[in-house]
Amino acid sequence: MWKLLHKLKDAVIYDADREFYAKVFPDSVDSKDLMRMRKMDHADLASVLKIEELNYEFPWSEGIFKDCFRTMTYTCWVCEAPDDSIVGYCIINVAAGEAHIMNISVNPDFQRQGAGRKMLEHLVEYARPRAEKIFLEVRPSNPGAINLYRKTGFREIGTRKNYYPAKNGREDAIMFELDLVPML
């Protein structure tokens, strides 16, 4: 039953009332609430690659994204503004009762407007019926993301030494975890 409800929730991306109120009473709706999540497809790659290159010194290649499409345990999403432009994307891997957030990236023009939080919350809800825990890594040089993860309930569980490529060698990764199964 829950799986069916989650599939239905994933399919429903349009809220006419919210859009109406946003047009008539623009201050009544948060911009994050007007953004929509949908599964990424090959036609989105040009926009996704542009965001990737804007945000990272060492961006993922088109081949990496195509591999994510081919791997059954990976699910790729885009976050769209009301005008259907892609403002961000996120990728999650779910297997063996665990979920791993591979990437969350927001176009710099839309950062600090709720898109990152919307995608993170979406991934957590997507993973909840499929996994017991969700993991992610983040650069210590990304305090905005670290703050978002902590506010969302993730807790720091360790460090991966020399995980990320960096200008002057390598940068560590901070590892985070969130329990998806309520404690009894």
C-alpha atoms as a PDB file:
ATOM      1  CA  MET A   1       0.000   0.000   0.000  1.00  0.00           C
ATOM      2  CA  TRP A   2       2.762   2.470   0.984  1.00  0.00           C
ATOM      3  CA  LYS A   3       4.691   1.788  -2.213  1.00  0.00           C
ATOM      4  CA  LEU A   4       1.598   2.559  -4.269  1.00  0.00           C
ATOM      5  CA  LEU A   5       1.030   5.816  -2.356  1.00  0.00           C
ATOM      6  CA  HIS A   6       4.645   6.871  -2.871  1.00  0.00           C
ATOM      7  CA  LYS A   7       4.412   6.105  -6.601  1.00  0.00           C
ATOM      8  CA  LEU A   8       1.253   8.195  -6.790  1.00  0.00           C
ATOM      9  CA  LYS A   9       2.931  11.019  -4.852  1.00  0.00           C
ATOM     10  CA  ASP A  10       5.906  10.879  -7.266  1.00  0.00           C
ATOM     11  CA  ALA A  11       3.543  11.208 -10.241  1.00  0.00           C
ATOM     12  CA  VAL A  12       1.627  14.208  -8.869  1.00  0.00           C
ATOM     13  CA  ILE A  13       3.698  17.331  -9.430  1.00  0.00           C
ATOM     14  CA  TYR A  14       1.129  20.027 -10.156  1.00  0.00           C
ATOM     15  CA  ASP A  15      -0.832  21.922  -7.534  1.00  0.00           C
ATOM     16  CA  ALA A  16      -3.250  24.299  -9.264  1.00  0.00           C
ATOM     17  CA  ASP A  17      -4.346  25.980  -6.010  1.00  0.00           C
ATOM     18  CA  ARG A  18      -0.771  26.778  -5.026  1.00  0.00           C
ATOM     19  CA  GLU A  19      -0.015  28.189  -8.473  1.00  0.00           C
ATOM     20  CA  PHE A  20      -3.222  30.265  -8.417  1.00  0.00           C
ATOM     21  CA  TYR A  21      -2.398  31.769  -5.016  1.00  0.00           C
ATOM     22  CA  ALA A  22       1.156  32.464  -6.135  1.00  0.00           C
ATOM     23  CA  LYS A  23      -0.158  34.508  -9.079  1.00  0.00           C
ATOM     24  CA  VAL A  24      -2.912  36.339  -7.178  1.00  0.00           C
ATOM     25  CA  PHE A  25      -1.118  36.701  -3.812  1.00  0.00           C
ATOM     26  CA  PRO A  26       2.590  36.389  -4.631  1.00  0.00           C
ATOM     27  CA  ASP A  27       3.740  36.882  -1.029  1.00  0.00           C
ATOM     28  CA  SER A  28       1.531  34.045   0.224  1.00  0.00           C
ATOM     29  CA  VAL A  29       3.583  31.207  -1.293  1.00  0.00           C
ATOM     30  CA  ASP A  30       7.233  30.401  -0.683  1.00  0.00           C
ATOM     31  CA  SER A  31       9.269  30.116  -3.904  1.00  0.00           C
ATOM     32  CA  LYS A  32      10.367  26.624  -2.798  1.00  0.00           C
ATOM     33  CA  ASP A  33       6.746  25.503  -2.842  1.00  0.00           C
ATOM     34  CA  LEU A  34       6.358  26.498  -6.488  1.00  0.00           C
ATOM     35  CA  MET A  35       9.284  24.346  -7.568  1.00  0.00           C
ATOM     36  CA  ARG A  36       8.484  20.865  -8.866  1.00  0.00           C
ATOM     37  CA  MET A  37      10.438  17.629  -8.759  1.00  0.00           C
ATOM     38  CA  ARG A  38      10.413  15.172 -11.635  1.00  0.00           C
ATOM     39  CA  LYS A  39      12.609  12.335 -12.814  1.00  0.00           C
ATOM     40  CA  MET A  40      15.532  13.409 -14.955  1.00  0.00           C
ATOM     41  CA  ASP A  41      15.737  12.210 -18.553  1.00  0.00           C
ATOM     42  CA  HIS A  42      18.369  12.418 -21.283  1.00  0.00           C
ATOM     43  CA  ALA A  43      16.865  15.647 -22.627  1.00  0.00           C
ATOM     44  CA  ASP A  44      17.781  17.333 -19.318  1.00  0.00           C
ATOM     45  CA  LEU A  45      21.504  16.567 -19.579  1.00  0.00           C
ATOM     46  CA  ALA A  46      22.530  19.863 -21.231  1.00  0.00           C
ATOM     47  CA  SER A  47      20.945  21.888 -18.396  1.00  0.00           C
ATOM     48  CA  VAL A  48      22.268  19.527 -15.731  1.00  0.00           C
ATOM     49  CA  LEU A  49      25.809  19.633 -17.142  1.00  0.00           C
ATOM     50  CA  LYS A  50      25.698  23.443 -17.193  1.00  0.00           C
ATOM     51  CA  ILE A  51      24.750  23.526 -13.493  1.00  0.00           C
ATOM     52  CA  GLU A  52      27.444  20.938 -12.745  1.00  0.00           C
ATOM     53  CA  GLU A  53      30.110  23.052 -14.463  1.00  0.00           C
ATOM     54  CA  LEU A  54      28.968  26.250 -12.728  1.00  0.00           C
ATOM     55  CA  ASN A  55      29.255  24.650  -9.295  1.00  0.00           C
ATOM     56  CA  TYR A  56      32.312  22.395  -9.393  1.00  0.00           C
ATOM     57  CA  GLU A  57      35.966  22.758 -10.308  1.00  0.00           C
ATOM     58  CA  PHE A  58      35.967  19.034 -11.082  1.00  0.00           C
ATOM     59  CA  PRO A  59      32.491  18.424 -12.578  1.00  0.00           C
ATOM     60  CA  TRP A  60      31.008  15.055 -13.380  1.00  0.00           C
ATOM     61  CA  SER A  61      31.196  14.177 -17.070  1.00  0.00           C
ATOM     62  CA  GLU A  62      28.226  13.448 -19.299  1.00  0.00           C
ATOM     63  CA  GLY A  63      29.313   9.797 -19.192  1.00  0.00           C
ATOM     64  CA  ILE A  64      28.919   9.666 -15.405  1.00  0.00           C
ATOM     65  CA  PHE A  65      25.353  10.966 -15.672  1.00  0.00           C
ATOM     66  CA  LYS A  66      24.581   8.448 -18.419  1.00  0.00           C
ATOM     67  CA  ASP A  67      25.955   5.674 -16.194  1.00  0.00           C
ATOM     68  CA  CYS A  68      23.551   6.837 -13.469  1.00  0.00           C
ATOM     69  CA  PHE A  69      20.649   6.417 -15.925  1.00  0.00           C
ATOM     70  CA  ARG A  70      21.795   2.869 -16.748  1.00  0.00           C
ATOM     71  CA  THR A  71      22.302   1.709 -13.162  1.00  0.00           C
ATOM     72  CA  MET A  72      19.066   0.268 -11.793  1.00  0.00           C
ATOM     73  CA  THR A  73      19.695   1.394  -8.191  1.00  0.00           C
ATOM     74  CA  TYR A  74      20.246   5.059  -9.120  1.00  0.00           C
ATOM     75  CA  THR A  75      17.391   7.524  -9.459  1.00  0.00           C
ATOM     76  CA  CYS A  76      17.995  10.962 -10.936  1.00  0.00           C
ATOM     77  CA  TRP A  77      15.710  13.966 -10.400  1.00  0.00           C
ATOM     78  CA  VAL A  78      15.509  17.560 -11.562  1.00  0.00           C
ATOM     79  CA  CYS A  79      13.953  20.478  -9.722  1.00  0.00           C
ATOM     80  CA  GLU A  80      12.018  22.867 -11.965  1.00  0.00           C
ATOM     81  CA  ALA A  81      10.936  26.469 -11.460  1.00  0.00           C
ATOM     82  CA  PRO A  82       7.350  27.418 -12.390  1.00  0.00           C
ATOM     83  CA  ASP A  83       8.601  28.393 -15.872  1.00  0.00           C
ATOM     84  CA  ASP A  84       9.857  24.779 -16.336  1.00  0.00           C
ATOM     85  CA  SER A  85      13.530  25.788 -16.237  1.00  0.00           C
ATOM     86  CA  ILE A  86      15.782  23.386 -14.362  1.00  0.00           C
ATOM     87  CA  VAL A  87      17.117  25.007 -11.204  1.00  0.00           C
ATOM     88  CA  GLY A  88      18.858  21.944  -9.793  1.00  0.00           C
ATOM     89  CA  TYR A  89      19.238  18.194  -9.820  1.00  0.00           C
ATOM     90  CA  CYS A  90      19.851  15.371  -7.399  1.00  0.00           C
ATOM     91  CA  ILE A  91      20.835  11.723  -7.600  1.00  0.00           C
ATOM     92  CA  ILE A  92      20.305   8.928  -5.093  1.00  0.00           C
ATOM     93  CA  ASN A  93      21.421   5.316  -4.995  1.00  0.00           C
ATOM     94  CA  VAL A  94      19.234   2.873  -3.055  1.00  0.00           C
ATOM     95  CA  ALA A  95      20.361  -0.714  -2.510  1.00  0.00           C
ATOM     96  CA  ALA A  96      20.472  -3.332   0.247  1.00  0.00           C
ATOM     97  CA  GLY A  97      18.377  -1.283   2.680  1.00  0.00           C
ATOM     98  CA  GLU A  98      20.600   1.786   2.428  1.00  0.00           C
ATOM     99  CA  ALA A  99      20.323   5.010   0.461  1.00  0.00           C
ATOM    100  CA  HIS A 100      23.236   7.174  -0.582  1.00  0.00           C
ATOM    101  CA  ILE A 101      22.789  10.722  -1.864  1.00  0.00           C
ATOM    102  CA  MET A 102      25.289  10.994  -4.679  1.00  0.00           C
ATOM    103  CA  ASN A 103      24.767  14.595  -5.692  1.00  0.00           C
ATOM    104  CA  ILE A 104      22.589  17.632  -5.010  1.00  0.00           C
ATOM    105  CA  SER A 105      23.374  20.714  -7.059  1.00  0.00           C
ATOM    106  CA  VAL A 106      21.534  24.022  -7.490  1.00  0.00           C
ATOM    107  CA  ASN A 107      22.087  26.607 -10.217  1.00  0.00           C
ATOM    108  CA  PRO A 108      23.965  29.499  -8.528  1.00  0.00           C
ATOM    109  CA  ASP A 109      21.183  31.909  -9.583  1.00  0.00           C
ATOM    110  CA  PHE A 110      18.710  29.902  -7.446  1.00  0.00           C
ATOM    111  CA  GLN A 111      20.862  29.095  -4.409  1.00  0.00           C
ATOM    112  CA  ARG A 112      19.516  30.080  -0.992  1.00  0.00           C
ATOM    113  CA  GLN A 113      15.921  30.035  -2.300  1.00  0.00           C
ATOM    114  CA  GLY A 114      14.910  26.595  -1.036  1.00  0.00           C
ATOM    115  CA  ALA A 115      15.742  24.388  -4.030  1.00  0.00           C
ATOM    116  CA  GLY A 116      18.472  22.487  -2.165  1.00  0.00           C
ATOM    117  CA  ARG A 117      16.174  21.875   0.797  1.00  0.00           C
ATOM    118  CA  LYS A 118      13.335  20.826  -1.519  1.00  0.00           C
ATOM    119  CA  MET A 119      15.561  18.273  -3.266  1.00  0.00           C
ATOM    120  CA  LEU A 120      17.006  16.962   0.013  1.00  0.00           C
ATOM    121  CA  GLU A 121      13.528  16.540   1.520  1.00  0.00           C
ATOM    122  CA  HIS A 122      12.371  14.842  -1.681  1.00  0.00           C
ATOM    123  CA  LEU A 123      15.259  12.361  -1.568  1.00  0.00           C
ATOM    124  CA  VAL A 124      14.615  11.571   2.097  1.00  0.00           C
ATOM    125  CA  GLU A 125      10.931  10.892   1.399  1.00  0.00           C
ATOM    126  CA  TYR A 126      11.820   8.842  -1.688  1.00  0.00           C
ATOM    127  CA  ALA A 127      14.263   6.737   0.337  1.00  0.00           C
ATOM    128  CA  ARG A 128      12.088   6.313   3.452  1.00  0.00           C
ATOM    129  CA  PRO A 129      10.033   3.301   2.227  1.00  0.00           C
ATOM    130  CA  ARG A 130      13.088   1.797   0.488  1.00  0.00           C
ATOM    131  CA  ALA A 131      15.895   2.057   3.042  1.00  0.00           C
ATOM    132  CA  GLU A 132      16.652   2.142   6.758  1.00  0.00           C
ATOM    133  CA  LYS A 133      19.421   4.747   6.568  1.00  0.00           C
ATOM    134  CA  ILE A 134      20.524   7.441   4.172  1.00  0.00           C
ATOM    135  CA  PHE A 135      24.137   8.585   3.804  1.00  0.00           C
ATOM    136  CA  LEU A 136      25.973  11.419   2.082  1.00  0.00           C
ATOM    137  CA  GLU A 137      29.370  13.082   1.903  1.00  0.00           C
ATOM    138  CA  VAL A 138      30.077  16.803   1.772  1.00  0.00           C
ATOM    139  CA  ARG A 139      33.164  18.971   1.467  1.00  0.00           C
ATOM    140  CA  PRO A 140      34.178  20.764   4.691  1.00  0.00           C
ATOM    141  CA  SER A 141      34.511  23.867   2.474  1.00  0.00           C
ATOM    142  CA  ASN A 142      30.718  23.816   1.860  1.00  0.00           C
ATOM    143  CA  PRO A 143      29.266  25.255   5.102  1.00  0.00           C
ATOM    144  CA  GLY A 144      25.861  26.019   3.531  1.00  0.00           C
ATOM    145  CA  ALA A 145      25.290  22.360   2.674  1.00  0.00           C
ATOM    146  CA  ILE A 146      26.615  21.196   6.051  1.00  0.00           C
ATOM    147  CA  ASN A 147      24.164  23.518   7.808  1.00  0.00           C
ATOM    148  CA  LEU A 148      21.268  22.270   5.644  1.00  0.00           C
ATOM    149  CA  TYR A 149      22.083  18.619   6.383  1.00  0.00           C
ATOM    150  CA  ARG A 150      22.275  19.259  10.128  1.00  0.00           C
ATOM    151  CA  LYS A 151      18.983  21.197  10.110  1.00  0.00           C
ATOM    152  CA  THR A 152      17.364  18.292   8.263  1.00  0.00           C
ATOM    153  CA  GLY A 153      18.416  15.846  10.991  1.00  0.00           C
ATOM    154  CA  PHE A 154      21.558  14.322   9.497  1.00  0.00           C
ATOM    155  CA  ARG A 155      24.356  13.634  11.938  1.00  0.00           C
ATOM    156  CA  GLU A 156      28.079  13.587  11.296  1.00  0.00           C
ATOM    157  CA  ILE A 157      29.522  10.070  11.499  1.00  0.00           C
ATOM    158  CA  GLY A 158      33.081  10.397  10.243  1.00  0.00           C
ATOM    159  CA  THR A 159      35.538  11.629   7.665  1.00  0.00           C
ATOM    160  CA  ARG A 160      36.740  10.197   4.379  1.00  0.00           C
ATOM    161  CA  LYS A 161      40.338  11.323   3.952  1.00  0.00           C
ATOM    162  CA  ASN A 162      41.354  12.763   0.561  1.00  0.00           C
ATOM    163  CA  TYR A 163      37.921  12.003  -0.917  1.00  0.00           C
ATOM    164  CA  TYR A 164      37.400  14.948  -3.277  1.00  0.00           C
ATOM    165  CA  PRO A 165      39.748  16.338  -5.937  1.00  0.00           C
ATOM    166  CA  ALA A 166      40.816  19.900  -5.126  1.00  0.00           C
ATOM    167  CA  LYS A 167      43.018  22.619  -6.625  1.00  0.00           C
ATOM    168  CA  ASN A 168      45.917  21.798  -4.345  1.00  0.00           C
ATOM    169  CA  GLY A 169      45.550  18.014  -4.163  1.00  0.00           C
ATOM    170  CA  ARG A 170      42.629  16.425  -2.344  1.00  0.00           C
ATOM    171  CA  GLU A 171      39.963  17.485   0.166  1.00  0.00           C
ATOM    172  CA  ASP A 172      38.432  15.336   2.893  1.00  0.00           C
ATOM    173  CA  ALA A 173      34.711  14.555   2.992  1.00  0.00           C
ATOM    174  CA  ILE A 174      32.493  14.781   6.051  1.00  0.00           C
ATOM    175  CA  MET A 175      30.182  11.767   6.211  1.00  0.00           C
ATOM    176  CA  PHE A 176      26.575  12.210   7.357  1.00  0.00           C
ATOM    177  CA  GLU A 177      23.823   9.728   8.174  1.00  0.00           C
ATOM    178  CA  LEU A 178      20.084   9.939   8.781  1.00  0.00           C
ATOM    179  CA  ASP A 179      18.006   7.107  10.254  1.00  0.00           C
ATOM    180  CA  LEU A 180      14.861   6.599   8.194  1.00  0.00           C
ATOM    181  CA  VAL A 181      13.267   4.023  10.488  1.00  0.00           C
ATOM    182  CA  PRO A 182      11.762   5.494  13.661  1.00  0.00           C
ATOM    183  CA  MET A 183      13.437   4.338  16.852  1.00  0.00           C
ATOM    184  CA  LEU A 184      11.136   2.336  19.126  1.00  0.00           C
END
